[in-house]
């Protein structure tokens, strides 16, 4: 039986080529661009790449993910030093999402990962990294070179998630270097055990979300410097006296003017009123009064009964309440 003749995709009219490309997975588009210089040139002419997001993962492996249309499709290159995994493809999903993983063998996975990432940025005409997921104690000897590489090749990181595998490992120096050299524009999540309370770390300004899982190192000085919309501080050690000073500064608009929601570990509302708000004008709202208040990132609102209100000099109100064992301050 004769094999069918190859279909000349690249000889079609431009609009027809673009429709073909739209039906491909992002990894298929990248692979097609590698066929020839002409294929690469035509691939770069496509106009629909704005719906793609590029994500990097640095942990036990090295991954480059291309997400499409709000994460409905995720295609990932995973670099591996295991030659047996080369070319393996995993795919799974449901009614509203698809995940495809392609394993790529390399004798030097870190350097090839860097070069592949530069190529993907070039093809998709991207300058912003949507997500950086990095476990800072997995490739300790390469952290600085990876950070330097990202600083040279991306203008900003929309969302940054920082992890460590072993709590005893000291990652302070590398996380400070990362945040001092990369611009994080929207969301920063810390899942790190910081060893030195006085280490030189620059928390980005104007974030939509700042989440710090172990925030013992966030003292009063850093608290008043934070300028983010949604802030979560787990296990903080800020004293009641310092919270009192912070709220007074907030009320006079000397700090945290962008704050929409502050979430802390659970504490008793009456105790907070007695100890922290003892000399701050406030109003106890009857529990029969129900209001929809900002509760979390993306301005998700919850129906809240009662609470305690304080007022800023510009008329903004902050309500303190407890919901699902989380003590929150919601600004409205």
Protein backbone atom coordinates (compact mmCIF):
# COMPACT_ATOMS: atom_id res chain seq x y z
CA UNK A 1 0.00 0.00 0.00
CA UNK A 2 1.42 3.35 -1.02
CA UNK A 3 1.92 5.93 1.69
CA UNK A 4 -0.12 9.13 1.25
CA UNK A 5 1.73 12.15 -0.03
CA UNK A 6 2.80 14.64 2.67
CA UNK A 7 0.37 17.51 3.14
CA UNK A 8 2.14 20.80 2.26
CA UNK A 9 0.98 22.86 5.27
CA UNK A 10 3.54 25.61 4.78
CA UNK A 11 2.39 26.19 1.17
CA UNK A 12 -1.16 27.04 2.19
CA UNK A 13 -2.37 30.66 2.29
CA UNK A 14 -1.44 32.41 5.54
CA UNK A 15 -4.96 32.37 7.05
CA UNK A 16 -5.26 28.64 6.36
CA UNK A 17 -1.84 28.00 7.95
CA UNK A 18 -2.90 29.94 11.05
CA UNK A 19 -6.06 27.84 11.39
CA UNK A 20 -3.95 24.67 11.20
CA UNK A 21 -1.59 26.04 13.87
CA UNK A 22 -4.51 26.88 16.16
CA UNK A 23 -5.47 23.20 16.17
CA UNK A 24 -2.02 22.12 17.36
CA UNK A 25 -0.75 21.69 20.89
CA UNK A 26 1.89 24.32 21.77
CA UNK A 27 4.62 21.67 21.86
CA UNK A 28 3.62 20.59 18.35
CA UNK A 29 4.02 24.20 17.23
CA UNK A 30 7.51 24.37 18.75
CA UNK A 31 8.47 21.04 17.16
CA UNK A 32 7.17 22.20 13.76
CA UNK A 33 9.26 25.37 14.00
CA UNK A 34 12.39 23.25 14.39
CA UNK A 35 11.98 21.56 10.98
CA UNK A 36 13.60 24.33 8.93
CA UNK A 37 14.37 28.04 8.82
CA UNK A 38 11.24 28.61 6.73
CA UNK A 39 9.10 26.69 9.22
CA UNK A 40 10.53 28.79 12.05
CA UNK A 41 9.91 32.04 10.16
CA UNK A 42 6.28 31.11 9.40
CA UNK A 43 5.70 29.93 12.98
CA UNK A 44 6.85 33.29 14.33
CA UNK A 45 4.32 35.08 12.09
CA UNK A 46 1.30 33.65 13.92
CA UNK A 47 -0.79 36.26 15.74
CA UNK A 48 -2.68 34.21 18.33
CA UNK A 49 0.13 33.55 20.82
CA UNK A 50 -1.13 36.23 23.21
CA UNK A 51 -3.42 33.59 24.75
CA UNK A 52 -0.37 31.49 25.72
CA UNK A 53 1.41 31.73 29.08
CA UNK A 54 4.91 30.37 29.73
CA UNK A 55 5.75 28.79 33.10
CA UNK A 56 9.00 27.41 34.48
CA UNK A 57 9.43 24.72 37.11
CA UNK A 58 12.74 24.13 38.89
CA UNK A 59 12.54 21.37 41.48
CA UNK A 60 13.49 17.70 41.23
CA UNK A 61 13.19 18.22 37.48
CA UNK A 62 13.33 21.10 35.03
CA UNK A 63 10.15 21.98 33.20
CA UNK A 64 8.92 24.48 30.62
CA UNK A 65 5.13 24.68 30.43
CA UNK A 66 2.99 26.49 27.88
CA UNK A 67 -0.54 27.09 29.14
CA UNK A 68 -3.43 28.03 26.90
CA UNK A 69 -6.63 29.87 27.71
CA UNK A 70 -6.54 30.10 31.48
CA UNK A 71 -4.81 26.74 32.03
CA UNK A 72 -7.31 24.67 30.05
CA UNK A 73 -4.38 23.18 28.14
CA UNK A 74 -0.92 22.69 29.64
CA UNK A 75 1.96 21.35 27.54
CA UNK A 76 5.24 20.78 29.32
CA UNK A 77 8.79 19.92 28.31
CA UNK A 78 10.53 18.07 31.15
CA UNK A 79 14.30 17.84 30.93
CA UNK A 80 15.75 14.58 32.22
CA UNK A 81 19.17 13.00 32.60
CA UNK A 82 17.56 9.55 32.33
CA UNK A 83 18.09 8.48 28.72
CA UNK A 84 15.35 5.86 29.01
CA UNK A 85 12.75 8.62 29.45
CA UNK A 86 13.68 10.43 26.24
CA UNK A 87 10.63 11.01 24.04
CA UNK A 88 8.14 9.62 26.56
CA UNK A 89 4.79 11.39 26.45
CA UNK A 90 2.23 11.50 29.25
CA UNK A 91 -1.24 12.93 28.73
CA UNK A 92 -4.22 13.14 31.03
CA UNK A 93 -7.14 15.45 31.68
CA UNK A 94 -10.86 15.86 32.06
CA UNK A 95 -13.74 17.65 30.43
CA UNK A 96 -12.23 21.12 30.88
CA UNK A 97 -8.47 20.61 30.87
CA UNK A 98 -5.66 18.72 29.16
CA UNK A 99 -2.14 18.11 30.47
CA UNK A 100 0.57 16.81 28.16
CA UNK A 101 4.17 16.13 29.26
CA UNK A 102 7.05 15.39 26.92
CA UNK A 103 10.35 14.14 28.39
CA UNK A 104 13.57 15.33 26.75
CA UNK A 105 16.89 13.65 27.57
CA UNK A 106 20.05 15.69 27.89
CA UNK A 107 23.55 15.09 29.21
CA UNK A 108 23.50 18.69 30.41
CA UNK A 109 19.83 19.27 31.30
CA UNK A 110 20.23 22.69 32.93
CA UNK A 111 21.99 24.32 29.97
CA UNK A 112 19.69 22.70 27.42
CA UNK A 113 16.68 23.75 29.50
CA UNK A 114 17.93 27.35 29.35
CA UNK A 115 18.42 27.26 25.59
CA UNK A 116 15.04 25.65 24.98
CA UNK A 117 13.39 28.29 27.16
CA UNK A 118 15.04 31.09 25.13
CA UNK A 119 13.83 29.44 21.94
CA UNK A 120 10.24 29.19 23.24
CA UNK A 121 10.31 32.87 24.25
CA UNK A 122 11.51 33.78 20.77
CA UNK A 123 8.92 31.70 18.91
CA UNK A 124 5.98 32.86 21.04
CA UNK A 125 7.25 36.46 21.21
CA UNK A 126 7.08 36.60 24.99
CA UNK A 127 8.98 38.80 27.43
CA UNK A 128 7.06 37.94 30.58
CA UNK A 129 7.15 34.69 32.53
CA UNK A 130 3.69 33.81 33.85
CA UNK A 131 4.82 31.48 36.65
CA UNK A 132 8.16 30.65 38.23
CA UNK A 133 7.94 27.63 40.55
CA UNK A 134 11.33 27.03 42.15
CA UNK A 135 12.52 24.77 44.97
CA UNK A 136 15.65 26.57 46.09
CA UNK A 137 17.49 23.64 47.68
CA UNK A 138 17.20 21.25 44.71
CA UNK A 139 19.83 22.85 42.43
CA UNK A 140 21.77 24.87 44.99
CA UNK A 141 24.96 25.05 42.94
CA UNK A 142 23.02 26.39 39.93
CA UNK A 143 20.63 28.85 41.62
CA UNK A 144 22.70 31.95 40.90
CA UNK A 145 23.28 31.05 37.24
CA UNK A 146 19.56 30.26 36.78
CA UNK A 147 18.55 33.59 38.36
CA UNK A 148 21.10 35.49 36.25
CA UNK A 149 19.79 33.74 33.14
CA UNK A 150 16.19 34.71 33.93
CA UNK A 151 17.19 38.30 34.70
CA UNK A 152 18.73 38.62 31.24
CA UNK A 153 15.87 36.96 29.33
CA UNK A 154 12.58 38.02 30.94
CA UNK A 155 11.30 41.46 31.89
CA UNK A 156 9.11 40.27 34.73
CA UNK A 157 7.53 37.29 36.49
CA UNK A 158 3.78 37.50 37.01
CA UNK A 159 3.58 34.84 39.72
CA UNK A 160 6.48 33.46 41.78
CA UNK A 161 6.25 30.46 44.12
CA UNK A 162 9.28 29.73 46.32
CA UNK A 163 9.75 26.39 48.07
CA UNK A 164 12.37 24.29 49.83
CA UNK A 165 12.40 20.51 50.37
CA UNK A 166 14.31 20.36 53.65
CA UNK A 167 13.45 22.84 56.40
CA UNK A 168 17.00 22.79 57.78
CA UNK A 169 18.58 23.93 54.50
CA UNK A 170 19.58 27.60 54.48
CA UNK A 171 18.19 29.30 51.35
CA UNK A 172 18.23 32.88 52.66
CA UNK A 173 21.01 34.13 50.40
CA UNK A 174 19.50 32.71 47.23
CA UNK A 175 15.95 33.92 47.84
CA UNK A 176 17.28 37.41 48.55
CA UNK A 177 19.33 37.27 45.35
CA UNK A 178 16.30 36.15 43.35
CA UNK A 179 13.98 38.89 44.61
CA UNK A 180 16.67 41.55 44.27
CA UNK A 181 17.23 40.61 40.62
CA UNK A 182 13.82 39.55 39.26
CA UNK A 183 10.74 41.75 39.01
CA UNK A 184 7.69 39.96 40.44
CA UNK A 185 4.64 41.91 39.29
CA UNK A 186 1.51 40.21 40.63
CA UNK A 187 1.83 37.37 43.14
CA UNK A 188 4.51 36.08 45.49
CA UNK A 189 4.16 32.96 47.61
CA UNK A 190 6.75 31.95 50.23
CA UNK A 191 6.97 28.39 51.50
CA UNK A 192 10.45 28.87 52.97
CA UNK A 193 12.03 28.60 56.39
CA UNK A 194 14.05 31.80 56.70
CA UNK A 195 16.97 31.45 59.12
CA UNK A 196 18.15 35.06 59.50
CA UNK A 197 15.59 37.65 60.60
CA UNK A 198 17.85 40.47 59.39
CA UNK A 199 18.72 39.17 55.95
CA UNK A 200 18.60 41.58 53.01
CA UNK A 201 15.32 40.86 51.22
CA UNK A 202 13.34 43.24 49.06
CA UNK A 203 9.61 42.42 49.13
CA UNK A 204 8.12 43.64 45.82
CA UNK A 205 5.67 46.54 45.93
CA UNK A 206 2.17 46.74 44.41
CA UNK A 207 1.54 42.98 44.37
CA UNK A 208 -1.96 41.61 44.10
CA UNK A 209 -1.07 38.83 46.54
CA UNK A 210 1.66 38.20 49.09
CA UNK A 211 1.48 34.86 50.89
CA UNK A 212 4.11 33.93 53.50
CA UNK A 213 3.65 30.50 55.05
CA UNK A 214 6.22 30.93 57.85
CA UNK A 215 6.40 34.65 58.57
CA UNK A 216 8.27 34.75 61.88
CA UNK A 217 10.94 36.88 60.17
CA UNK A 218 8.39 39.57 59.23
CA UNK A 219 8.86 42.13 61.99
CA UNK A 220 7.16 45.48 62.44
CA UNK A 221 9.61 47.34 60.18
CA UNK A 222 8.92 45.00 57.26
CA UNK A 223 5.19 45.00 57.97
CA UNK A 224 4.85 48.76 57.50
CA UNK A 225 6.90 48.55 54.28
CA UNK A 226 4.57 46.00 52.66
CA UNK A 227 2.40 47.58 49.97
CA UNK A 228 0.22 44.79 48.53
CA UNK A 229 -3.50 44.25 48.03
CA UNK A 230 -3.90 40.82 49.63
CA UNK A 231 -1.51 39.78 52.39
CA UNK A 232 -1.42 36.47 54.30
CA UNK A 233 1.06 36.10 57.17
CA UNK A 234 1.07 32.64 58.74
CA UNK A 235 2.78 32.12 62.12
CA UNK A 236 3.76 35.77 62.48
CA UNK A 237 5.40 37.00 65.69
CA UNK A 238 4.32 40.63 65.54
CA UNK A 239 3.31 41.80 69.00
CA UNK A 240 -0.08 43.24 69.95
CA UNK A 241 1.58 46.60 70.62
CA UNK A 242 3.05 46.57 67.11
CA UNK A 243 -0.33 45.69 65.57
CA UNK A 244 -1.76 48.65 67.45
CA UNK A 245 0.88 50.96 65.96
CA UNK A 246 0.39 49.46 62.51
CA UNK A 247 -3.36 50.08 62.53
CA UNK A 248 -2.87 53.66 63.66
CA UNK A 249 -0.50 54.21 60.72
CA UNK A 250 -3.01 52.56 58.38
CA UNK A 251 -5.81 54.83 59.63
CA UNK A 252 -3.70 57.94 58.92
CA UNK A 253 -2.70 56.52 55.49
CA UNK A 254 0.99 56.30 56.40
CA UNK A 255 1.27 52.64 55.39
CA UNK A 256 -0.29 49.86 53.31
CA UNK A 257 -2.63 52.14 51.36
CA UNK A 258 -3.25 49.44 48.73
CA UNK A 259 -4.33 46.83 51.27
CA UNK A 260 -7.67 45.13 50.55
CA UNK A 261 -7.38 42.07 52.76
CA UNK A 262 -5.03 40.96 55.53
CA UNK A 263 -5.25 37.35 56.76
CA UNK A 264 -3.58 36.01 59.90
CA UNK A 265 -3.71 32.91 62.06
CA UNK A 266 -6.85 32.48 64.11
CA UNK A 267 -7.28 34.61 67.20
CA UNK A 268 -10.22 35.64 69.36
CA UNK A 269 -12.02 38.75 68.11
CA UNK A 270 -12.92 39.97 71.62
CA UNK A 271 -9.34 39.57 72.79
CA UNK A 272 -8.10 41.50 69.74
CA UNK A 273 -10.53 44.30 70.54
CA UNK A 274 -9.45 44.48 74.17
CA UNK A 275 -5.69 44.30 73.63
CA UNK A 276 -5.03 45.82 70.19
CA UNK A 277 -7.94 48.24 69.71
CA UNK A 278 -8.05 49.49 73.30
CA UNK A 279 -7.16 53.09 72.35
CA UNK A 280 -8.33 53.03 68.70
CA UNK A 281 -11.83 54.34 67.81
CA UNK A 282 -13.87 51.35 66.60
CA UNK A 283 -17.41 50.08 66.22
CA UNK A 284 -18.70 46.62 67.12
CA UNK A 285 -21.16 45.61 64.40
CA UNK A 286 -24.21 43.59 65.43
CA UNK A 287 -24.09 39.94 64.31
CA UNK A 288 -27.47 40.44 62.71
CA UNK A 289 -25.82 42.69 60.13
CA UNK A 290 -24.57 40.70 57.12
CA UNK A 291 -22.11 42.20 54.63
CA UNK A 292 -20.20 40.80 51.65
CA UNK A 293 -16.52 41.46 52.41
CA UNK A 294 -13.32 40.73 50.50
CA UNK A 295 -11.90 37.53 51.92
CA UNK A 296 -9.10 36.40 49.64
CA UNK A 297 -7.11 36.88 46.46
CA UNK A 298 -9.03 37.90 43.30
CA UNK A 299 -11.38 39.87 45.56
CA UNK A 300 -13.47 36.82 46.43
CA UNK A 301 -16.16 37.92 48.88
CA UNK A 302 -17.79 36.13 51.81
CA UNK A 303 -21.01 36.92 53.63
CA UNK A 304 -19.84 38.06 57.08
CA UNK A 305 -22.05 38.59 60.13
CA UNK A 306 -21.00 41.42 62.42
CA UNK A 307 -17.33 42.19 63.00
CA UNK A 308 -15.41 45.19 64.29
CA UNK A 309 -14.94 48.31 62.14
CA UNK A 310 -12.26 50.99 62.16
CA UNK A 311 -12.23 53.95 59.75
CA UNK A 312 -9.37 55.46 57.74
CA UNK A 313 -9.11 59.24 57.32
CA UNK A 314 -10.27 58.95 53.68
CA UNK A 315 -13.47 57.17 54.73
CA UNK A 316 -12.35 53.58 53.94
CA UNK A 317 -13.47 51.04 56.54
CA UNK A 318 -11.54 47.99 57.73
CA UNK A 319 -13.62 45.19 59.24
CA UNK A 320 -12.06 42.55 61.48
CA UNK A 321 -13.75 39.14 61.57
CA UNK A 322 -13.03 35.42 61.92
CA UNK A 323 -14.09 33.00 59.18
CA UNK A 324 -13.06 29.34 58.85
CA UNK A 325 -10.50 29.80 61.64
CA UNK A 326 -8.82 32.68 59.80
CA UNK A 327 -8.60 36.12 61.37
CA UNK A 328 -9.06 38.73 58.63
CA UNK A 329 -9.02 42.46 58.05
CA UNK A 330 -11.11 43.40 55.03
CA UNK A 331 -11.06 46.92 53.58
CA UNK A 332 -14.19 48.34 51.94
